[in-house]
């Protein structure tokens, strides 16, 4: 069994990186000082690819919300984003996120992110 596990690990580690589907698990917690307030954990499935120098991704799934003193709940959420190399040292990226899109009783939540990264 050890030899099989090592062979599998070696083949996965040496596999070329290809664009395609992925799983993303991310948790974000909020605190005021040392007091816990809430946590949102995304359980997303996504896809990523490149179009020339433009890299993009789209992902979606459940978000589990856990606020202090309240029962946990969940909703649908997702993100769409991308990045492009403006120069050899400057990259520009952006993202649009959303939650509760399919629940008529809850207002949709939208977020945006836009930035630039300069490498020295």
PDB file of N, CA and C in Angstrom:
ATOM      1  N   UNK A   1       0.820  -1.194   0.000  1.00  0.00           N
ATOM      2  CA  UNK A   1       0.000   0.000   0.000  1.00  0.00           C
ATOM      3  C   UNK A   1       0.866   1.261   0.000  1.00  0.00           C
ATOM      4  N   UNK A   2       1.970   1.243   0.762  1.00  0.00           N
ATOM      5  CA  UNK A   2       2.834   2.425   0.804  1.00  0.00           C
ATOM      6  C   UNK A   2       3.400   2.737  -0.574  1.00  0.00           C
ATOM      7  N   UNK A   3       3.810   1.681  -1.308  1.00  0.00           N
ATOM      8  CA  UNK A   3       4.373   1.894  -2.638  1.00  0.00           C
ATOM      9  C   UNK A   3       3.320   2.475  -3.577  1.00  0.00           C
ATOM     10  N   UNK A   4       2.087   2.004  -3.478  1.00  0.00           N
ATOM     11  CA  UNK A   4       1.005   2.520  -4.311  1.00  0.00           C
ATOM     12  C   UNK A   4       0.725   3.981  -3.981  1.00  0.00           C
ATOM     13  N   UNK A   5       0.687   4.316  -2.696  1.00  0.00           N
ATOM     14  CA  UNK A   5       0.445   5.698  -2.275  1.00  0.00           C
ATOM     15  C   UNK A   5       1.573   6.615  -2.739  1.00  0.00           C
ATOM     16  N   UNK A   6       2.820   6.154  -2.631  1.00  0.00           N
ATOM     17  CA  UNK A   6       3.957   6.954  -3.090  1.00  0.00           C
ATOM     18  C   UNK A   6       3.930   7.144  -4.609  1.00  0.00           C
ATOM     19  N   UNK A   7       3.579   6.098  -5.340  1.00  0.00           N
ATOM     20  CA  UNK A   7       3.502   6.212  -6.796  1.00  0.00           C
ATOM     21  C   UNK A   7       2.411   7.199  -7.206  1.00  0.00           C
ATOM     22  N   UNK A   8       1.253   7.144  -6.536  1.00  0.00           N
ATOM     23  CA  UNK A   8       0.165   8.068  -6.833  1.00  0.00           C
ATOM     24  C   UNK A   8       0.563   9.501  -6.508  1.00  0.00           C
ATOM     25  N   UNK A   9       1.184   9.707  -5.352  1.00  0.00           N
ATOM     26  CA  UNK A   9       1.621  11.047  -4.955  1.00  0.00           C
ATOM     27  C   UNK A   9       2.655  11.595  -5.936  1.00  0.00           C
ATOM     28  N   UNK A  10       3.586  10.759  -6.367  1.00  0.00           N
ATOM     29  CA  UNK A  10       4.612  11.198  -7.307  1.00  0.00           C
ATOM     30  C   UNK A  10       4.009  11.560  -8.657  1.00  0.00           C
ATOM     31  N   UNK A  11       3.038  10.775  -9.119  1.00  0.00           N
ATOM     32  CA  UNK A  11       2.432  11.077 -10.417  1.00  0.00           C
ATOM     33  C   UNK A  11       1.606  12.355 -10.345  1.00  0.00           C
ATOM     34  N   UNK A  12       0.922  12.601  -9.241  1.00  0.00           N
ATOM     35  CA  UNK A  12       0.155  13.832  -9.083  1.00  0.00           C
ATOM     36  C   UNK A  12       1.070  15.043  -8.982  1.00  0.00           C
ATOM     37  N   UNK A  13       2.177  14.897  -8.279  1.00  0.00           N
ATOM     38  CA  UNK A  13       3.110  16.012  -8.107  1.00  0.00           C
ATOM     39  C   UNK A  13       3.814  16.361  -9.413  1.00  0.00           C
ATOM     40  N   UNK A  14       3.992  15.389 -10.296  1.00  0.00           N
ATOM     41  CA  UNK A  14       4.698  15.651 -11.540  1.00  0.00           C
ATOM     42  C   UNK A  14       3.757  15.966 -12.698  1.00  0.00           C
ATOM     43  N   UNK A  15       2.445  15.911 -12.473  1.00  0.00           N
ATOM     44  CA  UNK A  15       1.483  16.192 -13.546  1.00  0.00           C
ATOM     45  C   UNK A  15       1.564  17.654 -13.958  1.00  0.00           C
ATOM     46  N   UNK A  16       1.442  17.943 -15.243  1.00  0.00           N
ATOM     47  CA  UNK A  16       1.492  19.337 -15.677  1.00  0.00           C
ATOM     48  C   UNK A  16       0.260  20.099 -15.184  1.00  0.00           C
ATOM     49  N   UNK A  17       0.441  21.393 -14.955  1.00  0.00           N
ATOM     50  CA  UNK A  17      -0.664  22.230 -14.526  1.00  0.00           C
ATOM     51  C   UNK A  17      -1.522  22.537 -15.748  1.00  0.00           C
ATOM     52  N   UNK A  18      -2.805  22.221 -15.656  1.00  0.00           N
ATOM     53  CA  UNK A  18      -3.707  22.497 -16.764  1.00  0.00           C
ATOM     54  C   UNK A  18      -4.883  23.302 -16.254  1.00  0.00           C
ATOM     55  N   UNK A  19      -5.443  24.116 -17.117  1.00  0.00           N
ATOM     56  CA  UNK A  19      -6.623  24.892 -16.761  1.00  0.00           C
ATOM     57  C   UNK A  19      -7.812  23.952 -16.678  1.00  0.00           C
ATOM     58  N   UNK A  20      -8.758  24.326 -15.846  1.00  0.00           N
ATOM     59  CA  UNK A  20      -9.941  23.505 -15.755  1.00  0.00           C
ATOM     60  C   UNK A  20     -10.630  23.634 -14.423  1.00  0.00           C
ATOM     61  N   UNK A  21     -11.331  22.595 -14.037  1.00  0.00           N
ATOM     62  CA  UNK A  21     -12.139  22.654 -12.810  1.00  0.00           C
ATOM     63  C   UNK A  21     -11.287  22.586 -11.542  1.00  0.00           C
ATOM     64  N   UNK A  22     -11.848  23.128 -10.462  1.00  0.00           N
ATOM     65  CA  UNK A  22     -11.180  23.089  -9.163  1.00  0.00           C
ATOM     66  C   UNK A  22     -12.221  23.188  -8.050  1.00  0.00           C
ATOM     67  N   UNK A  23     -11.787  22.923  -6.844  1.00  0.00           N
ATOM     68  CA  UNK A  23     -12.594  23.087  -5.632  1.00  0.00           C
ATOM     69  C   UNK A  23     -11.898  24.124  -4.773  1.00  0.00           C
ATOM     70  N   UNK A  24     -12.666  25.078  -4.249  1.00  0.00           N
ATOM     71  CA  UNK A  24     -12.109  26.117  -3.389  1.00  0.00           C
ATOM     72  C   UNK A  24     -12.893  26.157  -2.083  1.00  0.00           C
ATOM     73  N   UNK A  25     -12.223  25.945  -0.974  1.00  0.00           N
ATOM     74  CA  UNK A  25     -12.812  26.073   0.352  1.00  0.00           C
ATOM     75  C   UNK A  25     -12.116  27.241   1.024  1.00  0.00           C
ATOM     76  N   UNK A  26     -12.904  28.239   1.447  1.00  0.00           N
ATOM     77  CA  UNK A  26     -12.342  29.457   2.033  1.00  0.00           C
ATOM     78  C   UNK A  26     -13.219  29.895   3.199  1.00  0.00           C
ATOM     79  N   UNK A  27     -12.577  30.283   4.282  1.00  0.00           N
ATOM     80  CA  UNK A  27     -13.336  30.794   5.420  1.00  0.00           C
ATOM     81  C   UNK A  27     -12.848  32.188   5.777  1.00  0.00           C
ATOM     82  N   UNK A  28     -13.794  33.059   6.089  1.00  0.00           N
ATOM     83  CA  UNK A  28     -13.497  34.436   6.481  1.00  0.00           C
ATOM     84  C   UNK A  28     -14.198  34.693   7.809  1.00  0.00           C
ATOM     85  N   UNK A  29     -13.442  35.092   8.811  1.00  0.00           N
ATOM     86  CA  UNK A  29     -13.998  35.351  10.142  1.00  0.00           C
ATOM     87  C   UNK A  29     -13.878  36.828  10.476  1.00  0.00           C
ATOM     88  N   UNK A  30     -14.831  37.314  11.271  1.00  0.00           N
ATOM     89  CA  UNK A  30     -14.827  38.718  11.691  1.00  0.00           C
ATOM     90  C   UNK A  30     -14.735  38.786  13.208  1.00  0.00           C
ATOM     91  N   UNK A  31     -13.868  39.648  13.685  1.00  0.00           N
ATOM     92  CA  UNK A  31     -13.666  39.872  15.114  1.00  0.00           C
ATOM     93  C   UNK A  31     -13.660  41.371  15.384  1.00  0.00           C
ATOM     94  N   UNK A  32     -14.169  41.763  16.529  1.00  0.00           N
ATOM     95  CA  UNK A  32     -13.983  43.117  17.034  1.00  0.00           C
ATOM     96  C   UNK A  32     -13.092  42.979  18.256  1.00  0.00           C
ATOM     97  N   UNK A  33     -11.870  43.453  18.139  1.00  0.00           N
ATOM     98  CA  UNK A  33     -10.894  43.171  19.193  1.00  0.00           C
ATOM     99  C   UNK A  33     -10.667  41.670  19.224  1.00  0.00           C
ATOM    100  N   UNK A  34     -10.893  41.050  20.367  1.00  0.00           N
ATOM    101  CA  UNK A  34     -10.764  39.597  20.474  1.00  0.00           C
ATOM    102  C   UNK A  34     -12.121  38.906  20.516  1.00  0.00           C
ATOM    103  N   UNK A  35     -13.218  39.658  20.295  1.00  0.00           N
ATOM    104  CA  UNK A  35     -14.565  39.089  20.325  1.00  0.00           C
ATOM    105  C   UNK A  35     -14.967  38.583  18.943  1.00  0.00           C
ATOM    106  N   UNK A  36     -15.253  37.277  18.871  1.00  0.00           N
ATOM    107  CA  UNK A  36     -15.723  36.663  17.623  1.00  0.00           C
ATOM    108  C   UNK A  36     -17.111  37.197  17.282  1.00  0.00           C
ATOM    109  N   UNK A  37     -17.332  37.577  16.015  1.00  0.00           N
ATOM    110  CA  UNK A  37     -18.637  38.051  15.570  1.00  0.00           C
ATOM    111  C   UNK A  37     -19.300  37.100  14.580  1.00  0.00           C
ATOM    112  N   UNK A  38     -18.567  36.706  13.541  1.00  0.00           N
ATOM    113  CA  UNK A  38     -19.175  35.833  12.537  1.00  0.00           C
ATOM    114  C   UNK A  38     -18.107  35.175  11.677  1.00  0.00           C
ATOM    115  N   UNK A  39     -18.571  34.157  10.936  1.00  0.00           N
ATOM    116  CA  UNK A  39     -17.685  33.449  10.015  1.00  0.00           C
ATOM    117  C   UNK A  39     -18.517  33.028   8.809  1.00  0.00           C
ATOM    118  N   UNK A  40     -17.950  33.151   7.622  1.00  0.00           N
ATOM    119  CA  UNK A  40     -18.566  32.671   6.390  1.00  0.00           C
ATOM    120  C   UNK A  40     -17.581  31.711   5.728  1.00  0.00           C
ATOM    121  N   UNK A  41     -18.030  30.487   5.461  1.00  0.00           N
ATOM    122  CA  UNK A  41     -17.182  29.481   4.840  1.00  0.00           C
ATOM    123  C   UNK A  41     -17.758  29.116   3.482  1.00  0.00           C
ATOM    124  N   UNK A  42     -16.998  29.381   2.429  1.00  0.00           N
ATOM    125  CA  UNK A  42     -17.415  29.059   1.063  1.00  0.00           C
ATOM    126  C   UNK A  42     -16.993  27.639   0.716  1.00  0.00           C
ATOM    127  N   UNK A  43     -17.904  26.891   0.121  1.00  0.00           N
ATOM    128  CA  UNK A  43     -17.635  25.562  -0.413  1.00  0.00           C
ATOM    129  C   UNK A  43     -17.958  25.638  -1.904  1.00  0.00           C
ATOM    130  N   UNK A  44     -16.983  26.024  -2.712  1.00  0.00           N
ATOM    131  CA  UNK A  44     -17.212  26.339  -4.119  1.00  0.00           C
ATOM    132  C   UNK A  44     -16.554  25.343  -5.067  1.00  0.00           C
ATOM    133  N   UNK A  45     -17.192  25.184  -6.214  1.00  0.00           N
ATOM    134  CA  UNK A  45     -16.634  24.458  -7.348  1.00  0.00           C
ATOM    135  C   UNK A  45     -16.459  25.493  -8.448  1.00  0.00           C
ATOM    136  N   UNK A  46     -15.332  25.430  -9.155  1.00  0.00           N
ATOM    137  CA  UNK A  46     -15.090  26.453 -10.158  1.00  0.00           C
ATOM    138  C   UNK A  46     -14.373  25.937 -11.375  1.00  0.00           C
ATOM    139  N   UNK A  47     -14.170  26.870 -12.284  1.00  0.00           N
ATOM    140  CA  UNK A  47     -13.420  26.595 -13.502  1.00  0.00           C
ATOM    141  C   UNK A  47     -12.548  27.813 -13.784  1.00  0.00           C
ATOM    142  N   UNK A  48     -11.362  27.571 -14.319  1.00  0.00           N
ATOM    143  CA  UNK A  48     -10.439  28.654 -14.659  1.00  0.00           C
ATOM    144  C   UNK A  48      -9.778  28.353 -15.987  1.00  0.00           C
ATOM    145  N   UNK A  49      -9.379  29.416 -16.663  1.00  0.00           N
ATOM    146  CA  UNK A  49      -8.732  29.242 -17.953  1.00  0.00           C
ATOM    147  C   UNK A  49      -8.044  30.552 -18.334  1.00  0.00           C
ATOM    148  N   UNK A  50      -7.419  30.560 -19.479  1.00  0.00           N
ATOM    149  CA  UNK A  50      -6.745  31.750 -20.004  1.00  0.00           C
ATOM    150  C   UNK A  50      -7.204  32.003 -21.422  1.00  0.00           C
ATOM    151  N   UNK A  51      -7.322  33.277 -21.750  1.00  0.00           N
ATOM    152  CA  UNK A  51      -7.592  33.718 -23.117  1.00  0.00           C
ATOM    153  C   UNK A  51      -6.465  34.684 -23.478  1.00  0.00           C
ATOM    154  N   UNK A  52      -5.453  34.179 -24.122  1.00  0.00           N
ATOM    155  CA  UNK A  52      -4.272  34.993 -24.388  1.00  0.00           C
ATOM    156  C   UNK A  52      -3.595  35.352 -23.082  1.00  0.00           C
ATOM    157  N   UNK A  53      -3.432  36.652 -22.802  1.00  0.00           N
ATOM    158  CA  UNK A  53      -2.792  37.083 -21.555  1.00  0.00           C
ATOM    159  C   UNK A  53      -3.808  37.320 -20.433  1.00  0.00           C
ATOM    160  N   UNK A  54      -5.088  37.046 -20.699  1.00  0.00           N
ATOM    161  CA  UNK A  54      -6.142  37.241 -19.696  1.00  0.00           C
ATOM    162  C   UNK A  54      -6.455  35.921 -19.008  1.00  0.00           C
ATOM    163  N   UNK A  55      -6.251  35.865 -17.696  1.00  0.00           N
ATOM    164  CA  UNK A  55      -6.610  34.693 -16.887  1.00  0.00           C
ATOM    165  C   UNK A  55      -7.944  34.971 -16.219  1.00  0.00           C
ATOM    166  N   UNK A  56      -8.874  33.996 -16.237  1.00  0.00           N
ATOM    167  CA  UNK A  56     -10.192  34.208 -15.640  1.00  0.00           C
ATOM    168  C   UNK A  56     -10.619  32.979 -14.834  1.00  0.00           C
ATOM    169  N   UNK A  57     -11.603  33.186 -13.982  1.00  0.00           N
ATOM    170  CA  UNK A  57     -12.176  32.094 -13.206  1.00  0.00           C
ATOM    171  C   UNK A  57     -13.632  32.417 -12.877  1.00  0.00           C
ATOM    172  N   UNK A  58     -14.396  31.374 -12.601  1.00  0.00           N
ATOM    173  CA  UNK A  58     -15.777  31.492 -12.137  1.00  0.00           C
ATOM    174  C   UNK A  58     -16.017  30.346 -11.174  1.00  0.00           C
ATOM    175  N   UNK A  59     -16.606  30.646 -10.029  1.00  0.00           N
ATOM    176  CA  UNK A  59     -16.851  29.604  -9.045  1.00  0.00           C
ATOM    177  C   UNK A  59     -18.145  29.894  -8.296  1.00  0.00           C
ATOM    178  N   UNK A  60     -18.765  28.846  -7.782  1.00  0.00           N
ATOM    179  CA  UNK A  60     -19.993  29.029  -7.021  1.00  0.00           C
ATOM    180  C   UNK A  60     -20.300  27.814  -6.188  1.00  0.00           C
ATOM    181  N   UNK A  61     -21.188  27.997  -5.220  1.00  0.00           N
ATOM    182  CA  UNK A  61     -21.602  26.910  -4.341  1.00  0.00           C
ATOM    183  C   UNK A  61     -22.238  27.462  -3.087  1.00  0.00           C
ATOM    184  N   UNK A  62     -22.169  26.706  -2.034  1.00  0.00           N
ATOM    185  CA  UNK A  62     -22.770  27.090  -0.755  1.00  0.00           C
ATOM    186  C   UNK A  62     -21.811  27.912   0.082  1.00  0.00           C
ATOM    187  N   UNK A  63     -22.396  28.842   0.846  1.00  0.00           N
ATOM    188  CA  UNK A  63     -21.673  29.534   1.902  1.00  0.00           C
ATOM    189  C   UNK A  63     -22.384  29.226   3.203  1.00  0.00           C
ATOM    190  N   UNK A  64     -21.637  28.760   4.182  1.00  0.00           N
ATOM    191  CA  UNK A  64     -22.180  28.486   5.513  1.00  0.00           C
ATOM    192  C   UNK A  64     -21.853  29.690   6.387  1.00  0.00           C
ATOM    193  N   UNK A  65     -22.900  30.322   6.928  1.00  0.00           N
ATOM    194  CA  UNK A  65     -22.755  31.516   7.756  1.00  0.00           C
ATOM    195  C   UNK A  65     -22.963  31.142   9.216  1.00  0.00           C
ATOM    196  N   UNK A  66     -22.038  31.544  10.067  1.00  0.00           N
ATOM    197  CA  UNK A  66     -22.126  31.253  11.499  1.00  0.00           C
ATOM    198  C   UNK A  66     -21.836  32.535  12.271  1.00  0.00           C
ATOM    199  N   UNK A  67     -22.891  33.182  12.751  1.00  0.00           N
ATOM    200  CA  UNK A  67     -22.742  34.396  13.555  1.00  0.00           C
ATOM    201  C   UNK A  67     -22.790  34.024  15.034  1.00  0.00           C
ATOM    202  N   UNK A  68     -22.127  34.803  15.859  1.00  0.00           N
ATOM    203  CA  UNK A  68     -22.071  34.550  17.291  1.00  0.00           C
ATOM    204  C   UNK A  68     -23.471  34.583  17.894  1.00  0.00           C
ATOM    205  N   UNK A  69     -23.850  33.514  18.582  1.00  0.00           N
ATOM    206  CA  UNK A  69     -25.127  33.451  19.281  1.00  0.00           C
ATOM    207  C   UNK A  69     -26.329  33.166  18.409  1.00  0.00           C
ATOM    208  N   UNK A  70     -26.124  32.835  17.140  1.00  0.00           N
ATOM    209  CA  UNK A  70     -27.221  32.581  16.203  1.00  0.00           C
ATOM    210  C   UNK A  70     -26.983  31.237  15.527  1.00  0.00           C
ATOM    211  N   UNK A  71     -28.064  30.506  15.192  1.00  0.00           N
ATOM    212  CA  UNK A  71     -27.916  29.259  14.453  1.00  0.00           C
ATOM    213  C   UNK A  71     -27.296  29.514  13.090  1.00  0.00           C
ATOM    214  N   UNK A  72     -26.501  28.575  12.625  1.00  0.00           N
ATOM    215  CA  UNK A  72     -25.877  28.681  11.305  1.00  0.00           C
ATOM    216  C   UNK A  72     -26.936  28.585  10.212  1.00  0.00           C
ATOM    217  N   UNK A  73     -26.672  29.226   9.086  1.00  0.00           N
ATOM    218  CA  UNK A  73     -27.509  29.070   7.908  1.00  0.00           C
ATOM    219  C   UNK A  73     -26.600  29.027   6.691  1.00  0.00           C
ATOM    220  N   UNK A  74     -27.187  28.790   5.524  1.00  0.00           N
ATOM    221  CA  UNK A  74     -26.380  28.743   4.315  1.00  0.00           C
ATOM    222  C   UNK A  74     -27.119  29.413   3.173  1.00  0.00           C
ATOM    223  N   UNK A  75     -26.369  29.782   2.161  1.00  0.00           N
ATOM    224  CA  UNK A  75     -26.928  30.391   0.968  1.00  0.00           C
ATOM    225  C   UNK A  75     -26.008  30.103  -0.209  1.00  0.00           C
ATOM    226  N   UNK A  76     -26.487  30.402  -1.414  1.00  0.00           N
ATOM    227  CA  UNK A  76     -25.682  30.249  -2.614  1.00  0.00           C
ATOM    228  C   UNK A  76     -24.818  31.491  -2.789  1.00  0.00           C
ATOM    229  N   UNK A  77     -23.585  31.289  -3.222  1.00  0.00           N
ATOM    230  CA  UNK A  77     -22.688  32.417  -3.488  1.00  0.00           C
ATOM    231  C   UNK A  77     -21.743  32.054  -4.621  1.00  0.00           C
ATOM    232  N   UNK A  78     -21.076  33.051  -5.133  1.00  0.00           N
ATOM    233  CA  UNK A  78     -20.123  32.799  -6.203  1.00  0.00           C
ATOM    234  C   UNK A  78     -19.235  33.991  -6.466  1.00  0.00           C
ATOM    235  N   UNK A  79     -18.254  33.778  -7.331  1.00  0.00           N
ATOM    236  CA  UNK A  79     -17.294  34.814  -7.706  1.00  0.00           C
ATOM    237  C   UNK A  79     -16.924  34.628  -9.170  1.00  0.00           C
ATOM    238  N   UNK A  80     -16.708  35.737  -9.848  1.00  0.00           N
ATOM    239  CA  UNK A  80     -16.194  35.745 -11.215  1.00  0.00           C
ATOM    240  C   UNK A  80     -15.085  36.777 -11.239  1.00  0.00           C
ATOM    241  N   UNK A  81     -13.943  36.413 -11.794  1.00  0.00           N
ATOM    242  CA  UNK A  81     -12.848  37.370 -11.791  1.00  0.00           C
ATOM    243  C   UNK A  81     -11.810  37.060 -12.831  1.00  0.00           C
ATOM    244  N   UNK A  82     -10.816  37.927 -12.877  1.00  0.00           N
ATOM    245  CA  UNK A  82      -9.751  37.725 -13.832  1.00  0.00           C
ATOM    246  C   UNK A  82      -8.579  38.651 -13.582  1.00  0.00           C
ATOM    247  N   UNK A  83      -7.520  38.413 -14.336  1.00  0.00           N
ATOM    248  CA  UNK A  83      -6.326  39.252 -14.235  1.00  0.00           C
ATOM    249  C   UNK A  83      -5.647  39.302 -15.591  1.00  0.00           C
ATOM    250  N   UNK A  84      -4.906  40.387 -15.789  1.00  0.00           N
ATOM    251  CA  UNK A  84      -4.175  40.561 -17.028  1.00  0.00           C
ATOM    252  C   UNK A  84      -2.844  41.227 -16.700  1.00  0.00           C
ATOM    253  N   UNK A  85      -1.802  40.828 -17.407  1.00  0.00           N
ATOM    254  CA  UNK A  85      -0.494  41.457 -17.239  1.00  0.00           C
ATOM    255  C   UNK A  85      -0.458  42.701 -18.110  1.00  0.00           C
ATOM    256  N   UNK A  86      -0.444  43.876 -17.477  1.00  0.00           N
ATOM    257  CA  UNK A  86      -0.368  45.130 -18.224  1.00  0.00           C
ATOM    258  C   UNK A  86       1.043  45.339 -18.780  1.00  0.00           C
ATOM    259  N   UNK A  87       2.047  44.976 -17.982  1.00  0.00           N
ATOM    260  CA  UNK A  87       3.451  44.997 -18.395  1.00  0.00           C
ATOM    261  C   UNK A  87       4.113  43.768 -17.784  1.00  0.00           C
ATOM    262  N   UNK A  88       5.418  43.645 -17.949  1.00  0.00           N
ATOM    263  CA  UNK A  88       6.136  42.520 -17.338  1.00  0.00           C
ATOM    264  C   UNK A  88       6.086  42.575 -15.814  1.00  0.00           C
ATOM    265  N   UNK A  89       5.938  43.755 -15.250  1.00  0.00           N
ATOM    266  CA  UNK A  89       5.966  43.920 -13.798  1.00  0.00           C
ATOM    267  C   UNK A  89       4.634  44.328 -13.187  1.00  0.00           C
ATOM    268  N   UNK A  90       3.668  44.724 -14.018  1.00  0.00           N
ATOM    269  CA  UNK A  90       2.391  45.225 -13.509  1.00  0.00           C
ATOM    270  C   UNK A  90       1.242  44.336 -13.939  1.00  0.00           C
ATOM    271  N   UNK A  91       0.492  43.855 -12.959  1.00  0.00           N
ATOM    272  CA  UNK A  91      -0.705  43.066 -13.222  1.00  0.00           C
ATOM    273  C   UNK A  91      -1.938  43.774 -12.687  1.00  0.00           C
ATOM    274  N   UNK A  92      -3.046  43.645 -13.378  1.00  0.00           N
ATOM    275  CA  UNK A  92      -4.312  44.244 -12.958  1.00  0.00           C
ATOM    276  C   UNK A  92      -5.308  43.105 -12.774  1.00  0.00           C
ATOM    277  N   UNK A  93      -6.084  43.152 -11.683  1.00  0.00           N
ATOM    278  CA  UNK A  93      -7.039  42.083 -11.410  1.00  0.00           C
ATOM    279  C   UNK A  93      -8.360  42.666 -10.920  1.00  0.00           C
ATOM    280  N   UNK A  94      -9.408  41.852 -11.044  1.00  0.00           N
ATOM    281  CA  UNK A  94     -10.717  42.268 -10.571  1.00  0.00           C
ATOM    282  C   UNK A  94     -11.596  41.069 -10.292  1.00  0.00           C
ATOM    283  N   UNK A  95     -12.636  41.292  -9.482  1.00  0.00           N
ATOM    284  CA  UNK A  95     -13.546  40.222  -9.099  1.00  0.00           C
ATOM    285  C   UNK A  95     -14.913  40.812  -8.772  1.00  0.00           C
ATOM    286  N   UNK A  96     -15.967  40.084  -9.117  1.00  0.00           N
ATOM    287  CA  UNK A  96     -17.329  40.397  -8.691  1.00  0.00           C
ATOM    288  C   UNK A  96     -17.818  39.185  -7.916  1.00  0.00           C
ATOM    289  N   UNK A  97     -18.309  39.423  -6.703  1.00  0.00           N
ATOM    290  CA  UNK A  97     -18.843  38.326  -5.891  1.00  0.00           C
ATOM    291  C   UNK A  97     -20.323  38.572  -5.636  1.00  0.00           C
ATOM    292  N   UNK A  98     -21.049  37.496  -5.377  1.00  0.00           N
ATOM    293  CA  UNK A  98     -22.485  37.610  -5.158  1.00  0.00           C
ATOM    294  C   UNK A  98     -22.948  36.536  -4.194  1.00  0.00           C
ATOM    295  N   UNK A  99     -24.075  36.800  -3.527  1.00  0.00           N
ATOM    296  CA  UNK A  99     -24.667  35.837  -2.604  1.00  0.00           C
ATOM    297  C   UNK A  99     -26.178  36.011  -2.602  1.00  0.00           C
ATOM    298  N   UNK A 100     -26.900  34.934  -2.311  1.00  0.00           N
ATOM    299  CA  UNK A 100     -28.362  34.919  -2.183  1.00  0.00           C
ATOM    300  C   UNK A 100     -29.090  35.204  -3.486  1.00  0.00           C
ATOM    301  N   UNK A 101     -28.494  34.946  -4.600  1.00  0.00           N
ATOM    302  CA  UNK A 101     -29.075  35.297  -5.890  1.00  0.00           C
ATOM    303  C   UNK A 101     -30.387  34.567  -6.161  1.00  0.00           C
ATOM    304  N   UNK A 102     -30.563  33.358  -5.629  1.00  0.00           N
ATOM    305  CA  UNK A 102     -31.755  32.572  -5.934  1.00  0.00           C
ATOM    306  C   UNK A 102     -32.785  32.553  -4.813  1.00  0.00           C
ATOM    307  N   UNK A 103     -32.627  33.389  -3.799  1.00  0.00           N
ATOM    308  CA  UNK A 103     -33.577  33.425  -2.681  1.00  0.00           C
ATOM    309  C   UNK A 103     -34.364  34.732  -2.740  1.00  0.00           C
ATOM    310  N   UNK A 104     -35.641  34.657  -3.086  1.00  0.00           N
ATOM    311  CA  UNK A 104     -36.464  35.855  -3.253  1.00  0.00           C
ATOM    312  C   UNK A 104     -36.704  36.593  -1.937  1.00  0.00           C
ATOM    313  N   UNK A 105     -36.565  35.905  -0.799  1.00  0.00           N
ATOM    314  CA  UNK A 105     -36.838  36.517   0.503  1.00  0.00           C
ATOM    315  C   UNK A 105     -35.659  37.298   1.061  1.00  0.00           C
ATOM    316  N   UNK A 106     -34.492  37.165   0.442  1.00  0.00           N
ATOM    317  CA  UNK A 106     -33.285  37.822   0.941  1.00  0.00           C
ATOM    318  C   UNK A 106     -32.719  38.707  -0.165  1.00  0.00           C
ATOM    319  N   UNK A 107     -32.348  39.915   0.185  1.00  0.00           N
ATOM    320  CA  UNK A 107     -31.752  40.825  -0.803  1.00  0.00           C
ATOM    321  C   UNK A 107     -30.412  40.270  -1.276  1.00  0.00           C
ATOM    322  N   UNK A 108     -30.142  40.426  -2.553  1.00  0.00           N
ATOM    323  CA  UNK A 108     -28.855  40.001  -3.097  1.00  0.00           C
ATOM    324  C   UNK A 108     -27.735  40.848  -2.520  1.00  0.00           C
ATOM    325  N   UNK A 109     -26.595  40.213  -2.310  1.00  0.00           N
ATOM    326  CA  UNK A 109     -25.404  40.892  -1.815  1.00  0.00           C
ATOM    327  C   UNK A 109     -24.370  40.843  -2.933  1.00  0.00           C
ATOM    328  N   UNK A 110     -23.830  41.997  -3.299  1.00  0.00           N
ATOM    329  CA  UNK A 110     -22.832  42.087  -4.354  1.00  0.00           C
ATOM    330  C   UNK A 110     -21.553  42.702  -3.794  1.00  0.00           C
ATOM    331  N   UNK A 111     -20.437  42.254  -4.284  1.00  0.00           N
ATOM    332  CA  UNK A 111     -19.156  42.834  -3.890  1.00  0.00           C
ATOM    333  C   UNK A 111     -18.257  42.943  -5.105  1.00  0.00           C
ATOM    334  N   UNK A 112     -17.343  43.886  -5.048  1.00  0.00           N
ATOM    335  CA  UNK A 112     -16.373  44.039  -6.133  1.00  0.00           C
ATOM    336  C   UNK A 112     -14.981  44.184  -5.543  1.00  0.00           C
ATOM    337  N   UNK A 113     -14.011  43.834  -6.352  1.00  0.00           N
ATOM    338  CA  UNK A 113     -12.605  43.983  -5.979  1.00  0.00           C
ATOM    339  C   UNK A 113     -11.856  44.378  -7.232  1.00  0.00           C
ATOM    340  N   UNK A 114     -11.037  45.388  -7.137  1.00  0.00           N
ATOM    341  CA  UNK A 114     -10.224  45.840  -8.258  1.00  0.00           C
ATOM    342  C   UNK A 114      -8.860  46.232  -7.703  1.00  0.00           C
ATOM    343  N   UNK A 115      -7.815  45.771  -8.356  1.00  0.00           N
ATOM    344  CA  UNK A 115      -6.486  46.095  -7.838  1.00  0.00           C
ATOM    345  C   UNK A 115      -5.395  45.964  -8.873  1.00  0.00           C
ATOM    346  N   UNK A 116      -4.228  46.358  -8.461  1.00  0.00           N
ATOM    347  CA  UNK A 116      -3.033  46.269  -9.280  1.00  0.00           C
ATOM    348  C   UNK A 116      -1.897  45.733  -8.413  1.00  0.00           C
ATOM    349  N   UNK A 117      -1.038  44.953  -9.020  1.00  0.00           N
ATOM    350  CA  UNK A 117       0.106  44.389  -8.315  1.00  0.00           C
ATOM    351  C   UNK A 117       1.359  44.680  -9.116  1.00  0.00           C
ATOM    352  N   UNK A 118       2.318  45.345  -8.474  1.00  0.00           N
ATOM    353  CA  UNK A 118       3.582  45.677  -9.127  1.00  0.00           C
ATOM    354  C   UNK A 118       4.694  44.853  -8.487  1.00  0.00           C
ATOM    355  N   UNK A 119       5.439  44.132  -9.296  1.00  0.00           N
ATOM    356  CA  UNK A 119       6.554  43.312  -8.810  1.00  0.00           C
ATOM    357  C   UNK A 119       7.874  44.031  -9.075  1.00  0.00           C
ATOM    358  N   UNK A 120       8.746  44.045  -8.085  1.00  0.00           N
ATOM    359  CA  UNK A 120      10.038  44.732  -8.212  1.00  0.00           C
ATOM    360  C   UNK A 120      11.099  43.825  -8.778  1.00  0.00           C
TER     361      UNK A 120
END
